[in-house]
C-alpha cells in the first residue's frame, strides 16, 4: 500500500508545519487529519472546496502505521467496516426513529470510542469529475483519515494552485 498521501488546505500567509485537524461534525470519517491517496484528487479538492482565500496548498506526508483499517483494498476489513456502520445506523434508527446522518454516526462513534484501537481509516467514494468516459465513474477517489498525529511523518509543502471560483 502506498504510504505517500496529500493534504489540501486553503493557502495561508505561512506554510503549515503539520496537517490541520478536521473536527467538523459532518466529516465523513469523523475527527482527524484527512489525506488523499491520489494527487489529482487533492488538486480537485483544492479547486472545489478550499475557496476561502482563492488559492490552495497541497502538502505531502508519509503515513506510517500498521493499524489502518483498509476498507478499500482489504475485503475482510471492508466487510467488518460495512457491518459496523450498518449496526450503528440500525441502532440510531431504533433509538430515534430517524435514519442516521453523518453527524449522528460521528457522535455515536466518538461517544463509544469505537475506533480507539485504529490509527486511521482508508476509505473511498466515487469521483464524478474529470473522468475519461462519460457517465462511467470507474476511478476510486480514496481518502485516509489519521486519528493519531504521530503516524503522519515527513509533512512538507508540495504545490499550490488557484481555486475554480474566487472568494466573494
N, C-alpha and C. Protein backbone atom coordinates (compact mmCIF):
# COMPACT_ATOMS: atom_id res chain seq x y z
N UNK A 1 0.85 -1.19 0.00
CA UNK A 1 0.00 0.00 0.00
C UNK A 1 0.89 1.24 0.00
N UNK A 2 0.46 2.21 -0.74
CA UNK A 2 1.15 3.49 -0.83
C UNK A 2 1.25 4.12 0.56
N UNK A 3 2.37 4.77 0.85
CA UNK A 3 2.43 5.47 2.14
C UNK A 3 2.64 6.97 1.96
N UNK A 4 2.54 7.48 0.72
CA UNK A 4 2.59 8.92 0.46
C UNK A 4 1.15 9.41 0.24
N UNK A 5 0.77 10.43 0.98
CA UNK A 5 -0.59 10.96 0.92
C UNK A 5 -0.54 12.48 0.82
N UNK A 6 -1.65 13.09 0.37
CA UNK A 6 -1.70 14.53 0.10
C UNK A 6 -2.77 15.20 0.95
N UNK A 7 -2.41 16.30 1.56
CA UNK A 7 -3.28 17.08 2.46
C UNK A 7 -3.52 18.44 1.83
N UNK A 8 -4.77 18.79 1.58
CA UNK A 8 -5.12 20.03 0.89
C UNK A 8 -5.74 21.03 1.87
N UNK A 9 -5.26 22.28 1.81
CA UNK A 9 -5.80 23.35 2.66
C UNK A 9 -5.80 24.67 1.88
N UNK A 10 -6.58 25.65 2.38
CA UNK A 10 -6.51 26.99 1.80
C UNK A 10 -5.09 27.52 1.96
N UNK A 11 -4.70 28.32 1.01
CA UNK A 11 -3.38 28.94 1.11
C UNK A 11 -3.40 29.94 2.26
N UNK A 12 -2.35 29.92 3.05
CA UNK A 12 -2.22 30.81 4.20
C UNK A 12 -0.99 31.69 4.03
N UNK A 13 -0.83 32.64 4.94
CA UNK A 13 0.33 33.53 4.87
C UNK A 13 1.63 32.78 5.11
N UNK A 14 1.57 31.78 5.97
CA UNK A 14 2.77 30.97 6.23
C UNK A 14 2.45 29.51 5.95
N UNK A 15 3.44 28.78 5.55
CA UNK A 15 3.28 27.36 5.25
C UNK A 15 2.99 26.58 6.53
N UNK A 16 2.20 25.54 6.38
CA UNK A 16 1.88 24.67 7.51
C UNK A 16 3.10 23.86 7.90
N UNK A 17 3.23 23.58 9.17
CA UNK A 17 4.27 22.70 9.69
C UNK A 17 3.73 21.30 9.98
N UNK A 18 2.40 21.22 10.05
CA UNK A 18 1.73 19.94 10.31
C UNK A 18 0.33 20.02 9.71
N UNK A 19 -0.30 18.89 9.50
CA UNK A 19 -1.64 18.93 8.90
C UNK A 19 -2.65 19.55 9.85
N UNK A 20 -3.74 20.03 9.27
CA UNK A 20 -4.82 20.63 10.05
C UNK A 20 -5.82 19.53 10.43
N UNK A 21 -6.17 19.52 11.69
CA UNK A 21 -7.13 18.54 12.23
C UNK A 21 -8.54 18.98 11.87
N UNK A 22 -9.30 18.10 11.25
CA UNK A 22 -10.70 18.38 10.90
C UNK A 22 -11.58 17.92 12.05
N UNK A 23 -12.39 18.84 12.56
CA UNK A 23 -13.32 18.47 13.63
C UNK A 23 -14.75 18.85 13.27
N UNK A 24 -15.02 18.96 11.98
CA UNK A 24 -16.38 19.28 11.52
C UNK A 24 -17.31 18.11 11.84
N UNK A 25 -18.49 18.42 12.29
CA UNK A 25 -19.44 17.38 12.70
C UNK A 25 -19.88 16.51 11.53
N UNK A 26 -19.74 16.99 10.31
CA UNK A 26 -20.17 16.23 9.14
C UNK A 26 -19.00 15.58 8.38
N UNK A 27 -17.83 15.56 8.98
CA UNK A 27 -16.67 14.93 8.33
C UNK A 27 -16.97 13.45 8.10
N UNK A 28 -16.70 12.97 6.92
CA UNK A 28 -17.04 11.60 6.51
C UNK A 28 -16.64 10.55 7.52
N UNK A 29 -15.43 10.65 8.01
CA UNK A 29 -14.89 9.59 8.86
C UNK A 29 -14.62 10.07 10.28
N UNK A 30 -15.24 11.18 10.65
CA UNK A 30 -15.07 11.72 11.98
C UNK A 30 -13.87 12.65 12.09
N UNK A 31 -13.54 13.03 13.31
CA UNK A 31 -12.43 13.95 13.56
C UNK A 31 -11.10 13.29 13.22
N UNK A 32 -10.24 14.04 12.54
CA UNK A 32 -8.93 13.51 12.22
C UNK A 32 -8.22 14.37 11.19
N UNK A 33 -7.10 13.87 10.71
CA UNK A 33 -6.29 14.53 9.70
C UNK A 33 -6.58 13.84 8.37
N UNK A 34 -7.12 14.57 7.41
CA UNK A 34 -7.57 13.97 6.15
C UNK A 34 -6.51 14.11 5.05
N UNK A 35 -6.33 13.02 4.32
CA UNK A 35 -5.36 12.97 3.23
C UNK A 35 -5.99 12.28 2.02
N UNK A 36 -5.49 12.64 0.86
CA UNK A 36 -5.87 11.99 -0.40
C UNK A 36 -4.77 11.03 -0.81
N UNK A 37 -5.14 9.92 -1.43
CA UNK A 37 -4.16 8.98 -1.97
C UNK A 37 -3.60 9.51 -3.29
N UNK A 38 -4.47 10.01 -4.16
CA UNK A 38 -4.05 10.49 -5.48
C UNK A 38 -3.91 12.01 -5.49
N UNK A 39 -2.82 12.45 -6.04
CA UNK A 39 -2.55 13.89 -6.13
C UNK A 39 -3.67 14.61 -6.87
N UNK A 40 -4.19 14.01 -7.96
CA UNK A 40 -5.23 14.69 -8.74
C UNK A 40 -6.48 14.93 -7.90
N UNK A 41 -6.79 14.07 -6.95
CA UNK A 41 -7.93 14.30 -6.06
C UNK A 41 -7.64 15.44 -5.09
N UNK A 42 -6.40 15.54 -4.64
CA UNK A 42 -6.01 16.65 -3.77
C UNK A 42 -6.17 17.98 -4.51
N UNK A 43 -5.81 18.01 -5.78
CA UNK A 43 -5.97 19.22 -6.60
C UNK A 43 -7.44 19.55 -6.78
N UNK A 44 -8.25 18.56 -7.14
CA UNK A 44 -9.69 18.80 -7.33
C UNK A 44 -10.33 19.32 -6.04
N UNK A 45 -9.94 18.75 -4.90
CA UNK A 45 -10.47 19.19 -3.61
C UNK A 45 -10.09 20.65 -3.36
N UNK A 46 -8.86 20.99 -3.67
CA UNK A 46 -8.42 22.37 -3.51
C UNK A 46 -9.20 23.33 -4.39
N UNK A 47 -9.39 22.96 -5.63
CA UNK A 47 -10.09 23.83 -6.58
C UNK A 47 -11.56 24.00 -6.21
N UNK A 48 -12.18 22.93 -5.72
CA UNK A 48 -13.62 22.96 -5.44
C UNK A 48 -13.98 23.36 -4.02
N UNK A 49 -13.17 22.99 -3.04
CA UNK A 49 -13.60 23.08 -1.65
C UNK A 49 -12.76 23.98 -0.76
N UNK A 50 -11.67 24.49 -1.24
CA UNK A 50 -10.79 25.32 -0.40
C UNK A 50 -10.73 26.73 -0.96
N UNK A 51 -11.88 27.36 -1.07
CA UNK A 51 -12.01 28.66 -1.74
C UNK A 51 -11.87 29.86 -0.83
N UNK A 52 -11.68 29.65 0.46
CA UNK A 52 -11.66 30.75 1.42
C UNK A 52 -10.70 31.87 1.06
N UNK A 53 -9.54 31.53 0.53
CA UNK A 53 -8.55 32.56 0.18
C UNK A 53 -8.37 32.68 -1.34
N UNK A 54 -9.08 31.83 -2.11
CA UNK A 54 -8.95 31.87 -3.56
C UNK A 54 -7.83 30.99 -4.09
N UNK A 55 -7.00 30.48 -3.19
CA UNK A 55 -5.88 29.60 -3.55
C UNK A 55 -5.79 28.47 -2.55
N UNK A 56 -5.16 27.41 -2.96
CA UNK A 56 -4.99 26.26 -2.07
C UNK A 56 -3.54 25.80 -2.11
N UNK A 57 -3.19 25.03 -1.08
CA UNK A 57 -1.86 24.43 -1.00
C UNK A 57 -2.03 22.93 -0.77
N UNK A 58 -1.11 22.18 -1.33
CA UNK A 58 -1.10 20.74 -1.12
C UNK A 58 0.23 20.37 -0.46
N UNK A 59 0.10 19.60 0.59
CA UNK A 59 1.25 19.10 1.33
C UNK A 59 1.29 17.59 1.14
N UNK A 60 2.46 17.04 1.25
CA UNK A 60 2.53 15.58 1.20
C UNK A 60 3.18 15.08 2.47
N UNK A 61 2.84 13.85 2.80
CA UNK A 61 3.35 13.23 4.02
C UNK A 61 3.36 11.73 3.86
N UNK A 62 4.09 11.10 4.72
CA UNK A 62 4.06 9.64 4.82
C UNK A 62 3.16 9.29 5.99
N UNK A 63 2.41 8.22 5.82
CA UNK A 63 1.60 7.69 6.90
C UNK A 63 2.22 6.35 7.28
N UNK A 64 2.63 6.25 8.53
CA UNK A 64 3.32 5.04 8.98
C UNK A 64 2.58 4.42 10.15
N UNK A 65 1.83 3.37 9.83
CA UNK A 65 1.11 2.64 10.87
C UNK A 65 0.68 1.29 10.31
N UNK A 66 0.65 0.32 11.16
CA UNK A 66 0.12 -0.99 10.80
C UNK A 66 -1.32 -1.13 11.29
N UNK A 67 -1.86 -0.03 11.86
CA UNK A 67 -3.21 -0.07 12.42
C UNK A 67 -4.17 0.82 11.62
N UNK A 68 -4.09 0.72 10.28
CA UNK A 68 -5.02 1.44 9.40
C UNK A 68 -6.09 0.45 8.97
N UNK A 69 -7.34 0.80 9.17
CA UNK A 69 -8.45 -0.02 8.69
C UNK A 69 -8.60 0.25 7.20
N UNK A 70 -8.27 -0.73 6.38
CA UNK A 70 -8.23 -0.57 4.92
C UNK A 70 -9.54 -1.07 4.32
N UNK A 71 -10.51 -0.17 4.17
CA UNK A 71 -11.82 -0.54 3.63
C UNK A 71 -11.84 -0.51 2.11
N UNK A 72 -10.72 -0.18 1.49
CA UNK A 72 -10.67 -0.07 0.03
C UNK A 72 -10.12 -1.33 -0.62
N UNK A 73 -9.01 -1.84 -0.11
CA UNK A 73 -8.31 -2.93 -0.78
C UNK A 73 -8.32 -4.26 0.00
N UNK A 74 -8.80 -4.23 1.24
CA UNK A 74 -8.81 -5.43 2.06
C UNK A 74 -10.27 -5.87 2.25
N UNK A 75 -10.64 -6.96 1.62
CA UNK A 75 -12.04 -7.41 1.63
C UNK A 75 -12.54 -7.69 3.05
N UNK A 76 -11.76 -8.37 3.86
CA UNK A 76 -12.16 -8.69 5.23
C UNK A 76 -12.40 -7.42 6.04
N UNK A 77 -11.48 -6.44 5.92
CA UNK A 77 -11.64 -5.19 6.66
C UNK A 77 -12.82 -4.37 6.13
N UNK A 78 -13.06 -4.46 4.82
CA UNK A 78 -14.21 -3.75 4.24
C UNK A 78 -15.52 -4.28 4.85
N UNK A 79 -15.67 -5.61 4.87
CA UNK A 79 -16.91 -6.17 5.40
C UNK A 79 -17.06 -5.93 6.90
N UNK A 80 -15.96 -5.92 7.63
CA UNK A 80 -16.01 -5.55 9.04
C UNK A 80 -16.52 -4.11 9.18
N UNK A 81 -15.92 -3.19 8.40
CA UNK A 81 -16.32 -1.77 8.41
C UNK A 81 -17.79 -1.62 8.06
N UNK A 82 -18.21 -2.25 6.97
CA UNK A 82 -19.60 -2.15 6.50
C UNK A 82 -20.56 -2.66 7.57
N UNK A 83 -20.25 -3.81 8.17
CA UNK A 83 -21.10 -4.36 9.23
C UNK A 83 -21.20 -3.42 10.42
N UNK A 84 -20.08 -2.81 10.82
CA UNK A 84 -20.08 -1.88 11.95
C UNK A 84 -20.94 -0.65 11.66
N UNK A 85 -20.77 -0.10 10.46
CA UNK A 85 -21.54 1.10 10.08
C UNK A 85 -23.03 0.77 10.05
N UNK A 86 -23.39 -0.39 9.49
CA UNK A 86 -24.81 -0.77 9.43
C UNK A 86 -25.39 -1.02 10.82
N UNK A 87 -24.61 -1.60 11.73
CA UNK A 87 -25.08 -1.80 13.10
C UNK A 87 -25.34 -0.45 13.78
N UNK A 88 -24.42 0.47 13.59
CA UNK A 88 -24.58 1.81 14.19
C UNK A 88 -25.83 2.48 13.62
N UNK A 89 -25.98 2.42 12.29
CA UNK A 89 -27.14 3.07 11.64
C UNK A 89 -28.45 2.47 12.14
N UNK A 90 -28.50 1.14 12.29
CA UNK A 90 -29.71 0.48 12.77
C UNK A 90 -30.00 0.86 14.22
N UNK A 91 -28.94 0.97 15.03
CA UNK A 91 -29.12 1.36 16.42
C UNK A 91 -29.68 2.78 16.51
N UNK A 92 -29.13 3.68 15.70
CA UNK A 92 -29.64 5.06 15.69
C UNK A 92 -31.09 5.09 15.24
N UNK A 93 -31.43 4.31 14.20
CA UNK A 93 -32.81 4.26 13.71
C UNK A 93 -33.75 3.73 14.79
N UNK A 94 -33.34 2.69 15.48
CA UNK A 94 -34.16 2.10 16.55
C UNK A 94 -34.39 3.10 17.68
N UNK A 95 -33.33 3.82 18.07
CA UNK A 95 -33.44 4.74 19.21
C UNK A 95 -34.13 6.05 18.87
N UNK A 96 -33.99 6.52 17.63
CA UNK A 96 -34.53 7.85 17.29
C UNK A 96 -35.72 7.80 16.33
N UNK A 97 -35.87 6.68 15.62
CA UNK A 97 -36.92 6.60 14.61
C UNK A 97 -36.54 7.31 13.31
N UNK A 98 -35.28 7.77 13.24
CA UNK A 98 -34.81 8.50 12.05
C UNK A 98 -33.56 7.84 11.49
N UNK A 99 -33.38 8.00 10.18
CA UNK A 99 -32.16 7.49 9.56
C UNK A 99 -30.96 8.27 10.08
N UNK A 100 -29.85 7.58 10.17
CA UNK A 100 -28.62 8.20 10.67
C UNK A 100 -28.10 9.24 9.67
N UNK A 101 -27.52 10.29 10.21
CA UNK A 101 -26.78 11.27 9.41
C UNK A 101 -25.30 11.06 9.72
N UNK A 102 -24.44 11.63 8.91
CA UNK A 102 -23.01 11.53 9.19
C UNK A 102 -22.70 12.14 10.56
N UNK A 103 -23.35 13.24 10.88
CA UNK A 103 -23.16 13.88 12.18
C UNK A 103 -23.50 12.92 13.32
N UNK A 104 -24.66 12.28 13.23
CA UNK A 104 -25.09 11.34 14.27
C UNK A 104 -24.17 10.12 14.35
N UNK A 105 -23.73 9.63 13.18
CA UNK A 105 -22.80 8.50 13.16
C UNK A 105 -21.50 8.88 13.88
N UNK A 106 -20.98 10.06 13.56
CA UNK A 106 -19.73 10.51 14.19
C UNK A 106 -19.88 10.68 15.70
N UNK A 107 -21.03 11.22 16.14
CA UNK A 107 -21.28 11.36 17.57
C UNK A 107 -21.30 9.99 18.25
N UNK A 108 -21.98 9.06 17.64
CA UNK A 108 -22.11 7.70 18.17
C UNK A 108 -20.72 7.06 18.30
N UNK A 109 -19.93 7.13 17.25
CA UNK A 109 -18.60 6.52 17.23
C UNK A 109 -17.69 7.18 18.28
N UNK A 110 -17.74 8.51 18.35
CA UNK A 110 -16.89 9.25 19.30
C UNK A 110 -17.29 8.93 20.74
N UNK A 111 -18.60 8.94 21.03
CA UNK A 111 -19.07 8.70 22.40
C UNK A 111 -18.71 7.29 22.89
N UNK A 112 -18.67 6.35 21.99
CA UNK A 112 -18.40 4.96 22.38
C UNK A 112 -16.95 4.55 22.16
N UNK A 113 -16.13 5.44 21.62
CA UNK A 113 -14.72 5.15 21.41
C UNK A 113 -14.50 3.93 20.52
N UNK A 114 -15.31 3.78 19.48
CA UNK A 114 -15.29 2.57 18.67
C UNK A 114 -13.99 2.35 17.90
N UNK A 115 -13.31 3.40 17.51
CA UNK A 115 -12.10 3.23 16.71
C UNK A 115 -10.84 3.51 17.52
N UNK A 116 -10.89 3.34 18.83
CA UNK A 116 -9.74 3.68 19.68
C UNK A 116 -8.50 2.83 19.40
N UNK A 117 -8.68 1.64 18.84
CA UNK A 117 -7.54 0.77 18.52
C UNK A 117 -7.09 0.91 17.07
N UNK A 118 -7.63 1.89 16.37
CA UNK A 118 -7.32 2.11 14.95
C UNK A 118 -6.66 3.48 14.81
N UNK A 119 -5.53 3.53 14.10
CA UNK A 119 -4.84 4.81 13.86
C UNK A 119 -5.45 5.62 12.73
N UNK A 120 -6.19 4.94 11.85
CA UNK A 120 -6.77 5.63 10.71
C UNK A 120 -7.64 4.70 9.90
N UNK A 121 -8.36 5.28 8.95
CA UNK A 121 -9.23 4.51 8.05
C UNK A 121 -8.97 4.96 6.62
N UNK A 122 -8.78 3.99 5.75
CA UNK A 122 -8.67 4.23 4.32
C UNK A 122 -10.04 3.97 3.73
N UNK A 123 -10.60 4.96 3.03
CA UNK A 123 -11.98 4.92 2.58
C UNK A 123 -12.06 5.45 1.16
N UNK A 124 -13.05 5.01 0.41
CA UNK A 124 -13.20 5.53 -0.95
C UNK A 124 -14.63 5.95 -1.24
N UNK A 125 -14.73 6.98 -2.04
CA UNK A 125 -16.02 7.33 -2.62
C UNK A 125 -15.81 7.34 -4.14
N UNK A 126 -16.82 7.74 -4.85
CA UNK A 126 -16.72 7.68 -6.31
C UNK A 126 -16.56 9.09 -6.85
N UNK A 127 -15.53 9.27 -7.64
CA UNK A 127 -15.30 10.56 -8.28
C UNK A 127 -16.24 10.72 -9.45
N UNK A 128 -16.82 11.87 -9.58
CA UNK A 128 -17.71 12.14 -10.72
C UNK A 128 -17.20 13.31 -11.54
N UNK A 129 -15.93 13.61 -11.41
CA UNK A 129 -15.34 14.72 -12.14
C UNK A 129 -14.15 14.24 -12.94
N UNK A 130 -13.94 14.87 -14.07
CA UNK A 130 -12.75 14.63 -14.88
C UNK A 130 -12.53 13.18 -15.27
N UNK A 131 -13.60 12.43 -15.45
CA UNK A 131 -13.45 11.06 -15.90
C UNK A 131 -13.25 11.07 -17.41
N UNK A 132 -12.58 10.07 -17.92
CA UNK A 132 -12.30 9.96 -19.35
C UNK A 132 -13.49 9.46 -20.15
N UNK A 133 -14.43 8.81 -19.47
CA UNK A 133 -15.58 8.20 -20.14
C UNK A 133 -16.85 8.82 -19.57
N UNK A 134 -17.76 9.22 -20.42
CA UNK A 134 -19.00 9.87 -19.99
C UNK A 134 -19.83 8.89 -19.15
N UNK A 135 -20.23 9.36 -17.96
CA UNK A 135 -21.11 8.62 -17.05
C UNK A 135 -20.61 7.23 -16.66
N UNK A 136 -19.32 7.01 -16.68
CA UNK A 136 -18.75 5.75 -16.20
C UNK A 136 -17.69 6.11 -15.18
N UNK A 137 -18.08 6.05 -13.92
CA UNK A 137 -17.23 6.51 -12.83
C UNK A 137 -16.40 5.34 -12.30
N UNK A 138 -15.35 5.03 -12.99
CA UNK A 138 -14.55 3.84 -12.73
C UNK A 138 -13.44 4.06 -11.71
N UNK A 139 -13.02 5.29 -11.51
CA UNK A 139 -11.86 5.57 -10.67
C UNK A 139 -12.27 5.82 -9.23
N UNK A 140 -11.62 5.13 -8.31
CA UNK A 140 -11.87 5.36 -6.89
C UNK A 140 -11.23 6.66 -6.46
N UNK A 141 -11.91 7.39 -5.62
CA UNK A 141 -11.38 8.60 -5.00
C UNK A 141 -11.15 8.23 -3.54
N UNK A 142 -9.88 8.03 -3.18
CA UNK A 142 -9.56 7.42 -1.89
C UNK A 142 -8.99 8.45 -0.92
N UNK A 143 -9.53 8.42 0.29
CA UNK A 143 -9.06 9.28 1.37
C UNK A 143 -8.58 8.43 2.53
N UNK A 144 -7.71 9.01 3.30
CA UNK A 144 -7.29 8.40 4.55
C UNK A 144 -7.49 9.43 5.65
N UNK A 145 -8.12 9.01 6.72
CA UNK A 145 -8.20 9.85 7.90
C UNK A 145 -7.26 9.24 8.93
N UNK A 146 -6.38 10.06 9.45
CA UNK A 146 -5.46 9.64 10.51
C UNK A 146 -6.00 10.19 11.82
N UNK A 147 -6.25 9.31 12.77
CA UNK A 147 -6.74 9.73 14.08
C UNK A 147 -5.58 10.08 15.00
N UNK A 148 -4.42 9.57 14.70
CA UNK A 148 -3.24 9.70 15.53
C UNK A 148 -2.19 10.53 14.78
N UNK A 149 -1.90 11.72 15.27
CA UNK A 149 -0.95 12.62 14.58
C UNK A 149 0.45 12.03 14.48
N UNK A 150 0.80 11.12 15.38
CA UNK A 150 2.14 10.55 15.37
C UNK A 150 2.42 9.67 14.14
N UNK A 151 1.38 9.23 13.44
CA UNK A 151 1.62 8.39 12.26
C UNK A 151 1.89 9.22 11.01
N UNK A 152 1.72 10.55 11.12
CA UNK A 152 1.98 11.46 9.99
C UNK A 152 3.43 11.93 10.11
N UNK A 153 4.27 11.53 9.15
CA UNK A 153 5.68 11.91 9.20
C UNK A 153 6.11 12.54 7.88
N UNK A 154 7.19 13.31 7.95
CA UNK A 154 7.74 13.98 6.76
C UNK A 154 6.71 14.85 6.04
N UNK A 155 5.97 15.62 6.82
CA UNK A 155 4.93 16.51 6.28
C UNK A 155 5.63 17.72 5.66
N UNK A 156 5.48 17.89 4.34
CA UNK A 156 6.14 19.01 3.65
C UNK A 156 5.23 19.62 2.59
N UNK A 157 5.48 20.88 2.27
CA UNK A 157 4.77 21.56 1.19
C UNK A 157 5.10 20.87 -0.12
N UNK A 158 4.06 20.73 -0.97
CA UNK A 158 4.24 20.06 -2.26
C UNK A 158 3.93 20.99 -3.44
N UNK A 159 2.76 21.67 -3.41
CA UNK A 159 2.38 22.54 -4.53
C UNK A 159 1.25 23.47 -4.10
N UNK A 160 0.91 24.38 -5.00
CA UNK A 160 -0.23 25.29 -4.75
C UNK A 160 -0.95 25.56 -6.05
N UNK A 161 -2.16 26.07 -5.94
CA UNK A 161 -2.95 26.38 -7.13
C UNK A 161 -4.05 27.37 -6.84
N UNK A 162 -4.75 27.75 -7.88
CA UNK A 162 -5.86 28.69 -7.78
C UNK A 162 -7.17 27.90 -7.78
N UNK A 163 -8.14 28.39 -7.02
CA UNK A 163 -9.45 27.77 -6.97
C UNK A 163 -10.24 28.08 -8.24
N UNK A 164 -11.23 27.23 -8.53
CA UNK A 164 -12.08 27.45 -9.71
C UNK A 164 -12.87 28.75 -9.57
N UNK A 165 -13.37 29.00 -8.36
CA UNK A 165 -14.18 30.20 -8.11
C UNK A 165 -13.49 30.98 -7.00
N UNK A 166 -13.29 32.25 -7.22
CA UNK A 166 -12.64 33.11 -6.22
C UNK A 166 -13.60 33.42 -5.08
N UNK A 167 -13.09 33.73 -3.89
CA UNK A 167 -13.96 34.10 -2.77
C UNK A 167 -14.64 35.43 -3.06
N UNK A 168 -15.81 35.62 -2.43
CA UNK A 168 -16.56 36.86 -2.64
C UNK A 168 -16.11 37.93 -1.69
